[in-house]
Amino acid sequence: MGSMSIWHWLIVLIVVLLVFGSGKISTLMGDLAKGIKVFKKNIAEDELASSSSQLKTNALPQSNKDDASVPFHDHKDKSSVSSEMH
């Protein structure tokens, strides 16, 4: 009595089939499969988006580093700079 035998499971299965019908169960399982596929697709898209954002953030310091190595040339003469400071 502690564990359920095969006969108990068969009776439960027959009752479930009678209550829900075989068409309803197959539709339910098909909807469940579609839901799992959509879930996996969204997870893959999220991972792709996060990896591409990581690549962008990793690329930013390199581009700033390249900009810092280029000297900045100010075409104003020194007298205009000193008058602006006062």
PDB file of N, CA and C in Angstrom:
ATOM      1  N   MET A   1       0.805  -1.183   0.000  1.00  0.00           N
ATOM      2  CA  MET A   1       0.000   0.000   0.000  1.00  0.00           C
ATOM      3  C   MET A   1       0.855   1.257   0.000  1.00  0.00           C
ATOM      4  N   GLY A   2       2.100   1.166   0.471  1.00  0.00           N
ATOM      5  CA  GLY A   2       2.988   2.321   0.560  1.00  0.00           C
ATOM      6  C   GLY A   2       3.363   2.889  -0.795  1.00  0.00           C
ATOM      7  N   SER A   3       3.587   2.036  -1.798  1.00  0.00           N
ATOM      8  CA  SER A   3       3.922   2.522  -3.129  1.00  0.00           C
ATOM      9  C   SER A   3       2.792   2.194  -4.089  1.00  0.00           C
ATOM     10  N   MET A   4       2.700   2.983  -5.132  1.00  0.00           N
ATOM     11  CA  MET A   4       1.612   2.758  -6.080  1.00  0.00           C
ATOM     12  C   MET A   4       2.066   1.757  -7.138  1.00  0.00           C
ATOM     13  N   SER A   5       1.226   0.808  -7.411  1.00  0.00           N
ATOM     14  CA  SER A   5       1.553  -0.203  -8.415  1.00  0.00           C
ATOM     15  C   SER A   5       1.192   0.308  -9.805  1.00  0.00           C
ATOM     16  N   ILE A   6       1.500  -0.466 -10.805  1.00  0.00           N
ATOM     17  CA  ILE A   6       1.201  -0.117 -12.185  1.00  0.00           C
ATOM     18  C   ILE A   6      -0.299   0.025 -12.388  1.00  0.00           C
ATOM     19  N   TRP A   7      -1.087  -0.765 -11.664  1.00  0.00           N
ATOM     20  CA  TRP A   7      -2.553  -0.706 -11.813  1.00  0.00           C
ATOM     21  C   TRP A   7      -3.107   0.627 -11.310  1.00  0.00           C
ATOM     22  N   HIS A   8      -2.528   1.136 -10.245  1.00  0.00           N
ATOM     23  CA  HIS A   8      -2.964   2.441  -9.745  1.00  0.00           C
ATOM     24  C   HIS A   8      -2.706   3.530 -10.801  1.00  0.00           C
ATOM     25  N   TRP A   9      -1.534   3.496 -11.401  1.00  0.00           N
ATOM     26  CA  TRP A   9      -1.180   4.502 -12.405  1.00  0.00           C
ATOM     27  C   TRP A   9      -2.056   4.378 -13.649  1.00  0.00           C
ATOM     28  N   LEU A  10      -2.396   3.146 -14.040  1.00  0.00           N
ATOM     29  CA  LEU A  10      -3.280   2.954 -15.195  1.00  0.00           C
ATOM     30  C   LEU A  10      -4.681   3.503 -14.928  1.00  0.00           C
ATOM     31  N   ILE A  11      -5.180   3.282 -13.737  1.00  0.00           N
ATOM     32  CA  ILE A  11      -6.502   3.809 -13.377  1.00  0.00           C
ATOM     33  C   ILE A  11      -6.491   5.333 -13.370  1.00  0.00           C
ATOM     34  N   VAL A  12      -5.435   5.925 -12.813  1.00  0.00           N
ATOM     35  CA  VAL A  12      -5.305   7.394 -12.815  1.00  0.00           C
ATOM     36  C   VAL A  12      -5.242   7.908 -14.251  1.00  0.00           C
ATOM     37  N   LEU A  13      -4.491   7.254 -15.113  1.00  0.00           N
ATOM     38  CA  LEU A  13      -4.375   7.661 -16.508  1.00  0.00           C
ATOM     39  C   LEU A  13      -5.722   7.582 -17.225  1.00  0.00           C
ATOM     40  N   ILE A  14      -6.474   6.515 -16.980  1.00  0.00           N
ATOM     41  CA  ILE A  14      -7.788   6.361 -17.609  1.00  0.00           C
ATOM     42  C   ILE A  14      -8.741   7.461 -17.138  1.00  0.00           C
ATOM     43  N   VAL A  15      -8.719   7.768 -15.843  1.00  0.00           N
ATOM     44  CA  VAL A  15      -9.586   8.831 -15.316  1.00  0.00           C
ATOM     45  C   VAL A  15      -9.213  10.179 -15.923  1.00  0.00           C
ATOM     46  N   VAL A  16      -7.933  10.461 -16.034  1.00  0.00           N
ATOM     47  CA  VAL A  16      -7.475  11.723 -16.626  1.00  0.00           C
ATOM     48  C   VAL A  16      -7.910  11.804 -18.086  1.00  0.00           C
ATOM     49  N   LEU A  17      -7.770  10.730 -18.829  1.00  0.00           N
ATOM     50  CA  LEU A  17      -8.201  10.714 -20.228  1.00  0.00           C
ATOM     51  C   LEU A  17      -9.708  10.916 -20.359  1.00  0.00           C
ATOM     52  N   LEU A  18     -10.463  10.329 -19.444  1.00  0.00           N
ATOM     53  CA  LEU A  18     -11.919  10.495 -19.479  1.00  0.00           C
ATOM     54  C   LEU A  18     -12.324  11.932 -19.148  1.00  0.00           C
ATOM     55  N   VAL A  19     -11.647  12.532 -18.188  1.00  0.00           N
ATOM     56  CA  VAL A  19     -12.003  13.892 -17.770  1.00  0.00           C
ATOM     57  C   VAL A  19     -11.580  14.920 -18.818  1.00  0.00           C
ATOM     58  N   PHE A  20     -10.353  14.838 -19.274  1.00  0.00           N
ATOM     59  CA  PHE A  20      -9.841  15.857 -20.186  1.00  0.00           C
ATOM     60  C   PHE A  20      -9.991  15.487 -21.655  1.00  0.00           C
ATOM     61  N   GLY A  21     -10.049  14.243 -21.976  1.00  0.00           N
ATOM     62  CA  GLY A  21     -10.111  13.814 -23.371  1.00  0.00           C
ATOM     63  C   GLY A  21      -8.725  13.795 -23.987  1.00  0.00           C
ATOM     64  N   SER A  22      -8.525  12.918 -24.950  1.00  0.00           N
ATOM     65  CA  SER A  22      -7.182  12.775 -25.545  1.00  0.00           C
ATOM     66  C   SER A  22      -6.821  13.979 -26.405  1.00  0.00           C
ATOM     67  N   GLY A  23      -7.799  14.605 -27.067  1.00  0.00           N
ATOM     68  CA  GLY A  23      -7.513  15.777 -27.901  1.00  0.00           C
ATOM     69  C   GLY A  23      -7.053  16.954 -27.076  1.00  0.00           C
ATOM     70  N   LYS A  24      -7.651  17.142 -25.921  1.00  0.00           N
ATOM     71  CA  LYS A  24      -7.292  18.258 -25.045  1.00  0.00           C
ATOM     72  C   LYS A  24      -5.866  18.080 -24.509  1.00  0.00           C
ATOM     73  N   ILE A  25      -5.510  16.850 -24.178  1.00  0.00           N
ATOM     74  CA  ILE A  25      -4.166  16.588 -23.650  1.00  0.00           C
ATOM     75  C   ILE A  25      -3.113  16.805 -24.733  1.00  0.00           C
ATOM     76  N   SER A  26      -3.379  16.367 -25.966  1.00  0.00           N
ATOM     77  CA  SER A  26      -2.391  16.563 -27.033  1.00  0.00           C
ATOM     78  C   SER A  26      -2.233  18.056 -27.356  1.00  0.00           C
ATOM     79  N   THR A  27      -3.337  18.796 -27.313  1.00  0.00           N
ATOM     80  CA  THR A  27      -3.258  20.241 -27.528  1.00  0.00           C
ATOM     81  C   THR A  27      -2.457  20.911 -26.417  1.00  0.00           C
ATOM     82  N   LEU A  28      -2.700  20.488 -25.196  1.00  0.00           N
ATOM     83  CA  LEU A  28      -1.980  21.033 -24.046  1.00  0.00           C
ATOM     84  C   LEU A  28      -0.490  20.756 -24.155  1.00  0.00           C
ATOM     85  N   MET A  29      -0.135  19.542 -24.559  1.00  0.00           N
ATOM     86  CA  MET A  29       1.281  19.189 -24.696  1.00  0.00           C
ATOM     87  C   MET A  29       1.927  19.956 -25.851  1.00  0.00           C
ATOM     88  N   GLY A  30       1.181  20.174 -26.937  1.00  0.00           N
ATOM     89  CA  GLY A  30       1.711  20.962 -28.051  1.00  0.00           C
ATOM     90  C   GLY A  30       1.970  22.404 -27.643  1.00  0.00           C
ATOM     91  N   ASP A  31       1.038  22.968 -26.865  1.00  0.00           N
ATOM     92  CA  ASP A  31       1.221  24.334 -26.370  1.00  0.00           C
ATOM     93  C   ASP A  31       2.409  24.417 -25.422  1.00  0.00           C
ATOM     94  N   LEU A  32       2.579  23.400 -24.615  1.00  0.00           N
ATOM     95  CA  LEU A  32       3.724  23.358 -23.701  1.00  0.00           C
ATOM     96  C   LEU A  32       5.034  23.314 -24.487  1.00  0.00           C
ATOM     97  N   ALA A  33       5.078  22.509 -25.547  1.00  0.00           N
ATOM     98  CA  ALA A  33       6.287  22.410 -26.377  1.00  0.00           C
ATOM     99  C   ALA A  33       6.591  23.749 -27.051  1.00  0.00           C
ATOM    100  N   LYS A  34       5.551  24.433 -27.554  1.00  0.00           N
ATOM    101  CA  LYS A  34       5.765  25.752 -28.166  1.00  0.00           C
ATOM    102  C   LYS A  34       6.287  26.747 -27.145  1.00  0.00           C
ATOM    103  N   GLY A  35       5.760  26.692 -25.938  1.00  0.00           N
ATOM    104  CA  GLY A  35       6.218  27.584 -24.879  1.00  0.00           C
ATOM    105  C   GLY A  35       7.682  27.356 -24.543  1.00  0.00           C
ATOM    106  N   ILE A  36       8.096  26.105 -24.512  1.00  0.00           N
ATOM    107  CA  ILE A  36       9.497  25.786 -24.225  1.00  0.00           C
ATOM    108  C   ILE A  36      10.401  26.302 -25.344  1.00  0.00           C
ATOM    109  N   LYS A  37       9.966  26.153 -26.595  1.00  0.00           N
ATOM    110  CA  LYS A  37      10.761  26.643 -27.725  1.00  0.00           C
ATOM    111  C   LYS A  37      10.921  28.153 -27.682  1.00  0.00           C
ATOM    112  N   VAL A  38       9.837  28.861 -27.378  1.00  0.00           N
ATOM    113  CA  VAL A  38       9.899  30.321 -27.295  1.00  0.00           C
ATOM    114  C   VAL A  38      10.802  30.740 -26.142  1.00  0.00           C
ATOM    115  N   PHE A  39      10.714  30.043 -25.017  1.00  0.00           N
ATOM    116  CA  PHE A  39      11.563  30.334 -23.870  1.00  0.00           C
ATOM    117  C   PHE A  39      13.037  30.171 -24.222  1.00  0.00           C
ATOM    118  N   LYS A  40      13.384  29.063 -24.873  1.00  0.00           N
ATOM    119  CA  LYS A  40      14.777  28.825 -25.266  1.00  0.00           C
ATOM    120  C   LYS A  40      15.258  29.885 -26.256  1.00  0.00           C
ATOM    121  N   LYS A  41      14.392  30.294 -27.188  1.00  0.00           N
ATOM    122  CA  LYS A  41      14.752  31.310 -28.166  1.00  0.00           C
ATOM    123  C   LYS A  41      15.037  32.639 -27.465  1.00  0.00           C
ATOM    124  N   ASN A  42      14.196  33.012 -26.509  1.00  0.00           N
ATOM    125  CA  ASN A  42      14.398  34.267 -25.785  1.00  0.00           C
ATOM    126  C   ASN A  42      15.658  34.231 -24.936  1.00  0.00           C
ATOM    127  N   ILE A  43      15.959  33.103 -24.338  1.00  0.00           N
ATOM    128  CA  ILE A  43      17.188  32.962 -23.556  1.00  0.00           C
ATOM    129  C   ILE A  43      18.401  33.135 -24.465  1.00  0.00           C
ATOM    130  N   ALA A  44      18.369  32.526 -25.645  1.00  0.00           N
ATOM    131  CA  ALA A  44      19.484  32.641 -26.587  1.00  0.00           C
ATOM    132  C   ALA A  44      19.646  34.088 -27.048  1.00  0.00           C
ATOM    133  N   GLU A  45      18.530  34.784 -27.307  1.00  0.00           N
ATOM    134  CA  GLU A  45      18.605  36.188 -27.723  1.00  0.00           C
ATOM    135  C   GLU A  45      19.163  37.062 -26.612  1.00  0.00           C
ATOM    136  N   ASP A  46      18.777  36.795 -25.359  1.00  0.00           N
ATOM    137  CA  ASP A  46      19.298  37.563 -24.231  1.00  0.00           C
ATOM    138  C   ASP A  46      20.794  37.357 -24.063  1.00  0.00           C
ATOM    139  N   GLU A  47      21.246  36.116 -24.228  1.00  0.00           N
ATOM    140  CA  GLU A  47      22.673  35.837 -24.116  1.00  0.00           C
ATOM    141  C   GLU A  47      23.444  36.525 -25.238  1.00  0.00           C
ATOM    142  N   LEU A  48      22.876  36.538 -26.445  1.00  0.00           N
ATOM    143  CA  LEU A  48      23.515  37.207 -27.569  1.00  0.00           C
ATOM    144  C   LEU A  48      23.586  38.704 -27.328  1.00  0.00           C
ATOM    145  N   ALA A  49      22.512  39.280 -26.814  1.00  0.00           N
ATOM    146  CA  ALA A  49      22.486  40.717 -26.538  1.00  0.00           C
ATOM    147  C   ALA A  49      23.472  41.080 -25.442  1.00  0.00           C
ATOM    148  N   SER A  50      23.559  40.273 -24.403  1.00  0.00           N
ATOM    149  CA  SER A  50      24.491  40.588 -23.310  1.00  0.00           C
ATOM    150  C   SER A  50      25.936  40.425 -23.766  1.00  0.00           C
ATOM    151  N   SER A  51      26.215  39.439 -24.613  1.00  0.00           N
ATOM    152  CA  SER A  51      27.587  39.267 -25.094  1.00  0.00           C
ATOM    153  C   SER A  51      27.969  40.391 -26.048  1.00  0.00           C
ATOM    154  N   SER A  52      27.033  40.867 -26.860  1.00  0.00           N
ATOM    155  CA  SER A  52      27.356  41.972 -27.760  1.00  0.00           C
ATOM    156  C   SER A  52      27.529  43.268 -26.983  1.00  0.00           C
ATOM    157  N   SER A  53      26.764  43.466 -25.895  1.00  0.00           N
ATOM    158  CA  SER A  53      26.951  44.671 -25.085  1.00  0.00           C
ATOM    159  C   SER A  53      28.282  44.603 -24.345  1.00  0.00           C
ATOM    160  N   GLN A  54      28.703  43.409 -23.958  1.00  0.00           N
ATOM    161  CA  GLN A  54      30.011  43.262 -23.325  1.00  0.00           C
ATOM    162  C   GLN A  54      31.112  43.600 -24.312  1.00  0.00           C
ATOM    163  N   LEU A  55      30.955  43.186 -25.564  1.00  0.00           N
ATOM    164  CA  LEU A  55      31.961  43.499 -26.572  1.00  0.00           C
ATOM    165  C   LEU A  55      32.034  44.995 -26.799  1.00  0.00           C
ATOM    166  N   LYS A  56      30.888  45.672 -26.800  1.00  0.00           N
ATOM    167  CA  LYS A  56      30.866  47.121 -26.986  1.00  0.00           C
ATOM    168  C   LYS A  56      31.543  47.826 -25.829  1.00  0.00           C
ATOM    169  N   THR A  57      31.284  47.397 -24.592  1.00  0.00           N
ATOM    170  CA  THR A  57      31.898  48.046 -23.443  1.00  0.00           C
ATOM    171  C   THR A  57      33.385  47.748 -23.383  1.00  0.00           C
ATOM    172  N   ASN A  58      33.791  46.580 -23.843  1.00  0.00           N
ATOM    173  CA  ASN A  58      35.218  46.267 -23.885  1.00  0.00           C
ATOM    174  C   ASN A  58      35.913  47.057 -24.979  1.00  0.00           C
ATOM    175  N   ALA A  59      35.210  47.400 -26.050  1.00  0.00           N
ATOM    176  CA  ALA A  59      35.813  48.141 -27.147  1.00  0.00           C
ATOM    177  C   ALA A  59      35.938  49.622 -26.822  1.00  0.00           C
ATOM    178  N   LEU A  60      35.111  50.166 -25.945  1.00  0.00           N
ATOM    179  CA  LEU A  60      35.152  51.588 -25.626  1.00  0.00           C
ATOM    180  C   LEU A  60      36.479  52.039 -25.041  1.00  0.00           C
ATOM    181  N   PRO A  61      37.041  51.365 -24.048  1.00  0.00           N
ATOM    182  CA  PRO A  61      38.321  51.831 -23.517  1.00  0.00           C
ATOM    183  C   PRO A  61      39.430  51.820 -24.563  1.00  0.00           C
ATOM    184  N   GLN A  62      39.395  50.884 -25.493  1.00  0.00           N
ATOM    185  CA  GLN A  62      40.418  50.848 -26.527  1.00  0.00           C
ATOM    186  C   GLN A  62      40.297  52.053 -27.450  1.00  0.00           C
ATOM    187  N   SER A  63      39.074  52.429 -27.816  1.00  0.00           N
ATOM    188  CA  SER A  63      38.904  53.569 -28.702  1.00  0.00           C
ATOM    189  C   SER A  63      39.287  54.854 -27.987  1.00  0.00           C
ATOM    190  N   ASN A  64      38.990  54.974 -26.684  1.00  0.00           N
ATOM    191  CA  ASN A  64      39.393  56.151 -25.929  1.00  0.00           C
ATOM    192  C   ASN A  64      40.907  56.206 -25.786  1.00  0.00           C
ATOM    193  N   LYS A  65      41.516  55.062 -25.666  1.00  0.00           N
ATOM    194  CA  LYS A  65      42.965  54.993 -25.550  1.00  0.00           C
ATOM    195  C   LYS A  65      43.614  55.482 -26.848  1.00  0.00           C
ATOM    196  N   ASP A  66      43.040  55.108 -27.986  1.00  0.00           N
ATOM    197  CA  ASP A  66      43.570  55.566 -29.263  1.00  0.00           C
ATOM    198  C   ASP A  66      43.409  57.078 -29.415  1.00  0.00           C
ATOM    199  N   ASP A  67      42.285  57.636 -28.941  1.00  0.00           N
ATOM    200  CA  ASP A  67      42.061  59.066 -29.023  1.00  0.00           C
ATOM    201  C   ASP A  67      43.048  59.830 -28.151  1.00  0.00           C
ATOM    202  N   ALA A  68      43.431  59.252 -27.025  1.00  0.00           N
ATOM    203  CA  ALA A  68      44.353  59.922 -26.118  1.00  0.00           C
ATOM    204  C   ALA A  68      45.758  59.968 -26.710  1.00  0.00           C
ATOM    205  N   SER A  69      46.097  59.049 -27.572  1.00  0.00           N
ATOM    206  CA  SER A  69      47.444  59.027 -28.134  1.00  0.00           C
ATOM    207  C   SER A  69      47.601  60.058 -29.253  1.00  0.00           C
ATOM    208  N   VAL A  70      46.487  60.559 -29.794  1.00  0.00           N
ATOM    209  CA  VAL A  70      46.555  61.576 -30.839  1.00  0.00           C
ATOM    210  C   VAL A  70      46.685  62.932 -30.161  1.00  0.00           C
ATOM    211  N   PRO A  71      47.727  63.694 -30.480  1.00  0.00           N
ATOM    212  CA  PRO A  71      47.914  64.997 -29.820  1.00  0.00           C
ATOM    213  C   PRO A  71      46.831  65.977 -30.252  1.00  0.00           C
ATOM    214  N   PHE A  72      46.423  66.811 -29.300  1.00  0.00           N
ATOM    215  CA  PHE A  72      45.415  67.830 -29.551  1.00  0.00           C
ATOM    216  C   PHE A  72      46.133  69.119 -29.924  1.00  0.00           C
ATOM    217  N   HIS A  73      45.763  69.690 -31.058  1.00  0.00           N
ATOM    218  CA  HIS A  73      46.391  70.927 -31.519  1.00  0.00           C
ATOM    219  C   HIS A  73      45.373  72.044 -31.417  1.00  0.00           C
ATOM    220  N   ASP A  74      45.727  73.039 -30.623  1.00  0.00           N
ATOM    221  CA  ASP A  74      44.882  74.208 -30.486  1.00  0.00           C
ATOM    222  C   ASP A  74      45.462  75.286 -31.393  1.00  0.00           C
ATOM    223  N   HIS A  75      44.641  75.798 -32.288  1.00  0.00           N
ATOM    224  CA  HIS A  75      45.126  76.757 -33.262  1.00  0.00           C
ATOM    225  C   HIS A  75      45.038  78.200 -32.780  1.00  0.00           C
ATOM    226  N   LYS A  76      44.673  78.412 -31.542  1.00  0.00           N
ATOM    227  CA  LYS A  76      44.649  79.772 -31.002  1.00  0.00           C
ATOM    228  C   LYS A  76      46.071  80.181 -30.651  1.00  0.00           C
ATOM    229  N   ASP A  77      46.330  81.439 -30.764  1.00  0.00           N
ATOM    230  CA  ASP A  77      47.662  81.874 -30.361  1.00  0.00           C
ATOM    231  C   ASP A  77      47.680  82.047 -28.846  1.00  0.00           C
ATOM    232  N   LYS A  78      48.859  82.121 -28.295  1.00  0.00           N
ATOM    233  CA  LYS A  78      49.028  82.127 -26.847  1.00  0.00           C
ATOM    234  C   LYS A  78      48.434  83.367 -26.198  1.00  0.00           C
ATOM    235  N   SER A  79      48.421  84.487 -26.876  1.00  0.00           N
ATOM    236  CA  SER A  79      47.905  85.717 -26.283  1.00  0.00           C
ATOM    237  C   SER A  79      46.397  85.628 -26.054  1.00  0.00           C
ATOM    238  N   SER A  80      45.676  85.006 -26.962  1.00  0.00           N
ATOM    239  CA  SER A  80      44.230  84.885 -26.777  1.00  0.00           C
ATOM    240  C   SER A  80      43.913  83.918 -25.642  1.00  0.00           C
ATOM    241  N   VAL A  81      44.753  82.917 -25.443  1.00  0.00           N
ATOM    242  CA  VAL A  81      44.543  81.964 -24.366  1.00  0.00           C
ATOM    243  C   VAL A  81      44.779  82.639 -23.033  1.00  0.00           C
ATOM    244  N   SER A  82      45.839  83.438 -22.927  1.00  0.00           N
ATOM    245  CA  SER A  82      46.123  84.095 -21.651  1.00  0.00           C
ATOM    246  C   SER A  82      45.072  85.147 -21.334  1.00  0.00           C
ATOM    247  N   SER A  83      44.526  85.831 -22.353  1.00  0.00           N
ATOM    248  CA  SER A  83      43.484  86.835 -22.085  1.00  0.00           C
ATOM    249  C   SER A  83      42.181  86.157 -21.669  1.00  0.00           C
ATOM    250  N   GLU A  84      41.908  84.954 -22.141  1.00  0.00           N
ATOM    251  CA  GLU A  84      40.706  84.229 -21.749  1.00  0.00           C
ATOM    252  C   GLU A  84      40.802  83.754 -20.311  1.00  0.00           C
ATOM    253  N   MET A  85      41.989  83.500 -19.823  1.00  0.00           N
ATOM    254  CA  MET A  85      42.166  82.992 -18.467  1.00  0.00           C
ATOM    255  C   MET A  85      41.928  84.087 -17.443  1.00  0.00           C
ATOM    256  N   HIS A  86      42.127  85.356 -17.798  1.00  0.00           N
ATOM    257  CA  HIS A  86      41.962  86.455 -16.827  1.00  0.00           C
ATOM    258  C   HIS A  86      40.594  86.869 -16.725  1.00  0.00           C
TER     259      HIS A  86
END
